[in-house]
Amino acid sequence: MSAPRDPSRVVGCDLGKASLRLSFGALTPSGLELERSLVVAHEGAPFEAFCRLYREERLHECAALGATGVYAAELLAPVHAALPEDSCLEAALALLHPAGP
């Protein structure tokens, strides 16, 4: 039996050369709200770090998990992998600084 999905929980992942970054958000009636972020140095083992956090953070219960970064294209469904980094950065900046610079 699979775990129930949380339809409001979304996660963004940046699987880079030296670290793995996760940002957790909630879809609310007023839009996306950033809940928290974390950064983990993966010390050359990006997929081991990703798998560990996938279990610990129960990412399988998220409504959506998007990934960008050097190693993102190697991730499989249900991850939405290899998202364009520029678009992800633009979306994050709009969320964190809606009035602009």
C-alpha atoms as a PDB file:
ATOM      1  CA  MET A   1       0.000   0.000   0.000  1.00  0.00           C
ATOM      2  CA  SER A   2       1.419   3.369  -1.000  1.00  0.00           C
ATOM      3  CA  ALA A   3       1.448   6.397   1.266  1.00  0.00           C
ATOM      4  CA  PRO A   4      -1.282   8.981   0.701  1.00  0.00           C
ATOM      5  CA  ARG A   5      -0.213  12.042  -1.241  1.00  0.00           C
ATOM      6  CA  ASP A   6      -0.490  15.481   0.315  1.00  0.00           C
ATOM      7  CA  PRO A   7      -2.121  17.557  -2.439  1.00  0.00           C
ATOM      8  CA  SER A   8      -0.783  20.803  -0.972  1.00  0.00           C
ATOM      9  CA  ARG A   9       2.878  19.813  -0.529  1.00  0.00           C
ATOM     10  CA  VAL A  10       5.410  20.499  -3.296  1.00  0.00           C
ATOM     11  CA  VAL A  11       9.190  20.251  -3.305  1.00  0.00           C
ATOM     12  CA  GLY A  12      11.882  21.712  -5.522  1.00  0.00           C
ATOM     13  CA  CYS A  13      15.294  20.051  -5.710  1.00  0.00           C
ATOM     14  CA  ASP A  14      18.615  21.338  -7.035  1.00  0.00           C
ATOM     15  CA  LEU A  15      20.946  18.385  -7.452  1.00  0.00           C
ATOM     16  CA  GLY A  16      24.274  20.090  -8.040  1.00  0.00           C
ATOM     17  CA  LYS A  17      27.946  19.199  -8.279  1.00  0.00           C
ATOM     18  CA  ALA A  18      28.661  19.619  -4.576  1.00  0.00           C
ATOM     19  CA  SER A  19      25.315  19.872  -2.805  1.00  0.00           C
ATOM     20  CA  LEU A  20      21.675  18.931  -2.799  1.00  0.00           C
ATOM     21  CA  ARG A  21      19.170  21.687  -2.060  1.00  0.00           C
ATOM     22  CA  LEU A  22      15.520  21.124  -1.241  1.00  0.00           C
ATOM     23  CA  SER A  23      12.818  23.750  -0.873  1.00  0.00           C
ATOM     24  CA  PHE A  24       9.479  22.742   0.601  1.00  0.00           C
ATOM     25  CA  GLY A  25       6.315  24.603  -0.216  1.00  0.00           C
ATOM     26  CA  ALA A  26       2.582  24.444   0.323  1.00  0.00           C
ATOM     27  CA  LEU A  27      -0.088  25.279  -2.213  1.00  0.00           C
ATOM     28  CA  THR A  28      -2.602  27.521  -0.468  1.00  0.00           C
ATOM     29  CA  PRO A  29      -5.637  29.477  -1.687  1.00  0.00           C
ATOM     30  CA  SER A  30      -3.377  32.552  -1.940  1.00  0.00           C
ATOM     31  CA  GLY A  31      -0.637  30.752  -3.884  1.00  0.00           C
ATOM     32  CA  LEU A  32       2.602  28.958  -3.141  1.00  0.00           C
ATOM     33  CA  GLU A  33       4.086  29.509   0.327  1.00  0.00           C
ATOM     34  CA  LEU A  34       7.693  28.601   1.038  1.00  0.00           C
ATOM     35  CA  GLU A  35       7.868  26.535   4.226  1.00  0.00           C
ATOM     36  CA  ARG A  36      11.565  25.730   4.552  1.00  0.00           C
ATOM     37  CA  SER A  37      14.745  24.921   2.672  1.00  0.00           C
ATOM     38  CA  LEU A  38      17.747  22.767   3.381  1.00  0.00           C
ATOM     39  CA  VAL A  39      21.184  22.264   1.874  1.00  0.00           C
ATOM     40  CA  VAL A  40      23.209  19.058   2.190  1.00  0.00           C
ATOM     41  CA  ALA A  41      26.790  18.624   0.955  1.00  0.00           C
ATOM     42  CA  HIS A  42      26.693  15.273  -0.854  1.00  0.00           C
ATOM     43  CA  GLU A  43      30.480  14.767  -0.984  1.00  0.00           C
ATOM     44  CA  GLY A  44      30.423  13.252  -4.470  1.00  0.00           C
ATOM     45  CA  ALA A  45      27.474  10.946  -3.821  1.00  0.00           C
ATOM     46  CA  PRO A  46      24.470  12.949  -5.087  1.00  0.00           C
ATOM     47  CA  PHE A  47      22.088  10.040  -5.588  1.00  0.00           C
ATOM     48  CA  GLU A  48      22.798   8.493  -2.219  1.00  0.00           C
ATOM     49  CA  ALA A  49      22.031  11.852  -0.571  1.00  0.00           C
ATOM     50  CA  PHE A  50      18.873  12.244  -2.676  1.00  0.00           C
ATOM     51  CA  CYS A  51      17.616   8.746  -1.805  1.00  0.00           C
ATOM     52  CA  ARG A  52      18.288   9.297   1.893  1.00  0.00           C
ATOM     53  CA  LEU A  53      16.390  12.590   1.934  1.00  0.00           C
ATOM     54  CA  TYR A  54      13.621  11.125  -0.223  1.00  0.00           C
ATOM     55  CA  ARG A  55      12.971   8.609   2.566  1.00  0.00           C
ATOM     56  CA  GLU A  56      13.623  10.886   5.560  1.00  0.00           C
ATOM     57  CA  GLU A  57      11.526  13.781   4.264  1.00  0.00           C
ATOM     58  CA  ARG A  58       8.816  11.445   2.890  1.00  0.00           C
ATOM     59  CA  LEU A  59       9.042  13.062  -0.531  1.00  0.00           C
ATOM     60  CA  HIS A  60       6.948  10.249  -1.993  1.00  0.00           C
ATOM     61  CA  GLU A  61       3.951  11.861  -0.295  1.00  0.00           C
ATOM     62  CA  CYS A  62       4.311  15.188  -2.162  1.00  0.00           C
ATOM     63  CA  ALA A  63       1.905  16.280  -4.852  1.00  0.00           C
ATOM     64  CA  ALA A  64       4.882  17.231  -7.029  1.00  0.00           C
ATOM     65  CA  LEU A  65       8.671  17.057  -6.916  1.00  0.00           C
ATOM     66  CA  GLY A  66      10.615  19.080  -9.466  1.00  0.00           C
ATOM     67  CA  ALA A  67      14.362  18.862  -9.988  1.00  0.00           C
ATOM     68  CA  THR A  68      17.056  20.906 -11.659  1.00  0.00           C
ATOM     69  CA  GLY A  69      20.829  20.816 -11.571  1.00  0.00           C
ATOM     70  CA  VAL A  70      23.723  18.864 -13.033  1.00  0.00           C
ATOM     71  CA  TYR A  71      22.397  15.427 -12.062  1.00  0.00           C
ATOM     72  CA  ALA A  72      18.650  16.084 -12.301  1.00  0.00           C
ATOM     73  CA  ALA A  73      18.234  14.538 -15.752  1.00  0.00           C
ATOM     74  CA  GLU A  74      19.202  11.164 -14.308  1.00  0.00           C
ATOM     75  CA  LEU A  75      16.235  11.110 -11.912  1.00  0.00           C
ATOM     76  CA  LEU A  76      13.140   9.159 -12.957  1.00  0.00           C
ATOM     77  CA  ALA A  77       9.411   9.603 -12.451  1.00  0.00           C
ATOM     78  CA  PRO A  78       7.652  10.611 -10.336  1.00  0.00           C
ATOM     79  CA  VAL A  79      10.281  13.376 -10.267  1.00  0.00           C
ATOM     80  CA  HIS A  80       9.752  16.119 -12.856  1.00  0.00           C
ATOM     81  CA  ALA A  81      13.418  16.210 -13.814  1.00  0.00           C
ATOM     82  CA  ALA A  82      15.769  18.489 -15.701  1.00  0.00           C
ATOM     83  CA  LEU A  83      13.714  21.651 -15.299  1.00  0.00           C
ATOM     84  CA  PRO A  84      15.447  24.711 -16.807  1.00  0.00           C
ATOM     85  CA  GLU A  85      17.545  26.362 -14.101  1.00  0.00           C
ATOM     86  CA  ASP A  86      16.878  29.915 -15.321  1.00  0.00           C
ATOM     87  CA  SER A  87      13.114  29.388 -15.164  1.00  0.00           C
ATOM     88  CA  CYS A  88      13.372  27.878 -11.686  1.00  0.00           C
ATOM     89  CA  LEU A  89      15.453  30.809 -10.451  1.00  0.00           C
ATOM     90  CA  GLU A  90      13.018  33.304 -11.962  1.00  0.00           C
ATOM     91  CA  ALA A  91      10.055  31.579 -10.266  1.00  0.00           C
ATOM     92  CA  ALA A  92      11.864  31.456  -6.926  1.00  0.00           C
ATOM     93  CA  LEU A  93      12.778  35.136  -7.066  1.00  0.00           C
ATOM     94  CA  ALA A  94       9.192  36.078  -7.931  1.00  0.00           C
ATOM     95  CA  LEU A  95       7.972  34.098  -4.917  1.00  0.00           C
ATOM     96  CA  LEU A  96      10.545  35.482  -2.492  1.00  0.00           C
ATOM     97  CA  HIS A  97      10.535  39.081  -3.795  1.00  0.00           C
ATOM     98  CA  PRO A  98       7.147  39.727  -5.436  1.00  0.00           C
ATOM     99  CA  ALA A  99       7.752  43.508  -5.614  1.00  0.00           C
ATOM    100  CA  GLY A 100      10.943  42.960  -7.609  1.00  0.00           C
ATOM    101  CA  PRO A 101      14.502  44.102  -6.861  1.00  0.00           C
END
